[in-house]
Amino acid sequence: MHKSSTRVMTAHLPVALAEKVDEVASKLDRSKGWIVKQALTDWLAQEELRDQLTYEALSDVDQGLTFEHQEINDWIESLDTEHPLSQPKK
């Protein structure tokens, strides 16, 4: 049988947050550990995506793939009109 490796981590949580974890665990019929692991997994994935998108955006800037502020403002302001402008493209 394959035994997965785990490690215990301790964190001090504000009482209100700990109570919310308790509530969600009860509603989902899951352990508090499962709830915390799921939350951390999702948060870490979100942070990794944020980093990736930041590096992609910086690469776009380095390549000159940017828009003038006024060009974006004009497009946004046109969206509520009868004849909206096309989305700016590079």
C-alpha atoms as a PDB file:
ATOM      1  CA  MET A   1       0.000   0.000   0.000  1.00  0.00           C
ATOM      2  CA  HIS A   2       1.302   3.456  -0.926  1.00  0.00           C
ATOM      3  CA  LYS A   3       1.433   5.871   1.963  1.00  0.00           C
ATOM      4  CA  SER A   4       1.475   9.549   1.001  1.00  0.00           C
ATOM      5  CA  SER A   5       3.884  11.828   2.773  1.00  0.00           C
ATOM      6  CA  THR A   6       2.387  14.559   4.875  1.00  0.00           C
ATOM      7  CA  ARG A   7       3.647  17.144   7.283  1.00  0.00           C
ATOM      8  CA  VAL A   8       1.824  18.824  10.118  1.00  0.00           C
ATOM      9  CA  MET A   9       1.829  22.618  10.113  1.00  0.00           C
ATOM     10  CA  THR A  10       0.450  24.818  12.844  1.00  0.00           C
ATOM     11  CA  ALA A  11      -1.065  28.250  12.355  1.00  0.00           C
ATOM     12  CA  HIS A  12      -2.686  30.654  14.768  1.00  0.00           C
ATOM     13  CA  LEU A  13      -5.988  31.814  13.306  1.00  0.00           C
ATOM     14  CA  PRO A  14      -8.299  34.552  14.474  1.00  0.00           C
ATOM     15  CA  VAL A  15     -11.233  32.984  16.316  1.00  0.00           C
ATOM     16  CA  ALA A  16     -13.738  34.207  13.729  1.00  0.00           C
ATOM     17  CA  LEU A  17     -11.790  32.553  10.899  1.00  0.00           C
ATOM     18  CA  ALA A  18     -11.419  29.291  12.817  1.00  0.00           C
ATOM     19  CA  GLU A  19     -15.168  29.303  13.470  1.00  0.00           C
ATOM     20  CA  LYS A  20     -15.856  29.761   9.757  1.00  0.00           C
ATOM     21  CA  VAL A  21     -13.623  26.777   8.998  1.00  0.00           C
ATOM     22  CA  ASP A  22     -15.585  24.780  11.573  1.00  0.00           C
ATOM     23  CA  GLU A  23     -18.883  25.807   9.945  1.00  0.00           C
ATOM     24  CA  VAL A  24     -17.768  24.944   6.411  1.00  0.00           C
ATOM     25  CA  ALA A  25     -16.335  21.617   7.543  1.00  0.00           C
ATOM     26  CA  SER A  26     -19.627  20.762   9.209  1.00  0.00           C
ATOM     27  CA  LYS A  27     -21.727  21.834   6.205  1.00  0.00           C
ATOM     28  CA  LEU A  28     -19.584  19.828   3.778  1.00  0.00           C
ATOM     29  CA  ASP A  29     -19.161  16.906   6.156  1.00  0.00           C
ATOM     30  CA  ARG A  30     -15.395  17.189   5.771  1.00  0.00           C
ATOM     31  CA  SER A  31     -12.581  17.489   8.264  1.00  0.00           C
ATOM     32  CA  LYS A  32     -11.133  20.868   9.176  1.00  0.00           C
ATOM     33  CA  GLY A  33      -7.809  19.626   7.811  1.00  0.00           C
ATOM     34  CA  TRP A  34      -9.426  18.909   4.434  1.00  0.00           C
ATOM     35  CA  ILE A  35     -10.938  22.409   4.343  1.00  0.00           C
ATOM     36  CA  VAL A  36      -7.608  24.070   5.162  1.00  0.00           C
ATOM     37  CA  LYS A  37      -5.709  21.908   2.659  1.00  0.00           C
ATOM     38  CA  GLN A  38      -8.236  22.733  -0.070  1.00  0.00           C
ATOM     39  CA  ALA A  39      -8.072  26.448   0.720  1.00  0.00           C
ATOM     40  CA  LEU A  40      -4.268  26.485   0.664  1.00  0.00           C
ATOM     41  CA  THR A  41      -4.145  24.483  -2.555  1.00  0.00           C
ATOM     42  CA  ASP A  42      -6.524  26.906  -4.267  1.00  0.00           C
ATOM     43  CA  TRP A  43      -4.731  29.978  -2.922  1.00  0.00           C
ATOM     44  CA  LEU A  44      -1.317  28.708  -4.014  1.00  0.00           C
ATOM     45  CA  ALA A  45      -2.650  27.968  -7.513  1.00  0.00           C
ATOM     46  CA  GLN A  46      -4.059  31.500  -7.659  1.00  0.00           C
ATOM     47  CA  GLU A  47      -0.715  32.988  -6.595  1.00  0.00           C
ATOM     48  CA  GLU A  48       1.164  30.922  -9.185  1.00  0.00           C
ATOM     49  CA  LEU A  49      -1.240  32.134 -11.887  1.00  0.00           C
ATOM     50  CA  ARG A  50      -0.816  35.726 -10.699  1.00  0.00           C
ATOM     51  CA  ASP A  51       2.967  35.384 -10.990  1.00  0.00           C
ATOM     52  CA  GLN A  52       2.676  33.852 -14.459  1.00  0.00           C
ATOM     53  CA  LEU A  53       0.359  36.608 -15.693  1.00  0.00           C
ATOM     54  CA  THR A  54       2.639  39.283 -14.222  1.00  0.00           C
ATOM     55  CA  TYR A  55       5.662  37.881 -16.065  1.00  0.00           C
ATOM     56  CA  GLU A  56       3.642  37.663 -19.286  1.00  0.00           C
ATOM     57  CA  ALA A  57       2.522  41.266 -18.874  1.00  0.00           C
ATOM     58  CA  LEU A  58       6.087  42.430 -18.241  1.00  0.00           C
ATOM     59  CA  SER A  59       7.190  40.568 -21.368  1.00  0.00           C
ATOM     60  CA  ASP A  60       4.468  42.357 -23.356  1.00  0.00           C
ATOM     61  CA  VAL A  61       5.730  45.696 -22.050  1.00  0.00           C
ATOM     62  CA  ASP A  62       9.306  44.781 -23.012  1.00  0.00           C
ATOM     63  CA  GLN A  63       8.052  43.975 -26.530  1.00  0.00           C
ATOM     64  CA  GLY A  64       6.177  47.262 -26.783  1.00  0.00           C
ATOM     65  CA  LEU A  65       2.758  45.579 -26.789  1.00  0.00           C
ATOM     66  CA  THR A  66       1.082  48.377 -24.890  1.00  0.00           C
ATOM     67  CA  PHE A  67      -1.751  50.841 -25.432  1.00  0.00           C
ATOM     68  CA  GLU A  68      -1.981  54.554 -24.895  1.00  0.00           C
ATOM     69  CA  HIS A  69      -4.115  55.528 -21.910  1.00  0.00           C
ATOM     70  CA  GLN A  70      -6.375  57.744 -24.019  1.00  0.00           C
ATOM     71  CA  GLU A  71      -6.949  54.941 -26.537  1.00  0.00           C
ATOM     72  CA  ILE A  72      -8.250  52.674 -23.763  1.00  0.00           C
ATOM     73  CA  ASN A  73     -10.364  55.465 -22.227  1.00  0.00           C
ATOM     74  CA  ASP A  74     -11.950  56.241 -25.604  1.00  0.00           C
ATOM     75  CA  TRP A  75     -12.821  52.566 -26.113  1.00  0.00           C
ATOM     76  CA  ILE A  76     -14.285  52.200 -22.593  1.00  0.00           C
ATOM     77  CA  GLU A  77     -16.371  55.361 -22.911  1.00  0.00           C
ATOM     78  CA  SER A  78     -17.754  54.162 -26.255  1.00  0.00           C
ATOM     79  CA  LEU A  79     -19.091  50.897 -24.808  1.00  0.00           C
ATOM     80  CA  ASP A  80     -22.283  52.542 -23.535  1.00  0.00           C
ATOM     81  CA  THR A  81     -22.994  54.257 -26.851  1.00  0.00           C
ATOM     82  CA  GLU A  82     -24.934  53.145 -29.923  1.00  0.00           C
ATOM     83  CA  HIS A  83     -21.672  52.794 -31.859  1.00  0.00           C
ATOM     84  CA  PRO A  84     -18.996  51.302 -29.598  1.00  0.00           C
ATOM     85  CA  LEU A  85     -15.435  51.302 -30.857  1.00  0.00           C
ATOM     86  CA  SER A  86     -13.675  48.040 -31.588  1.00  0.00           C
ATOM     87  CA  GLN A  87     -11.494  46.725 -28.799  1.00  0.00           C
ATOM     88  CA  PRO A  88      -7.932  48.013 -29.230  1.00  0.00           C
ATOM     89  CA  LYS A  89      -5.570  45.391 -30.637  1.00  0.00           C
ATOM     90  CA  LYS A  90      -1.821  45.184 -31.030  1.00  0.00           C
END
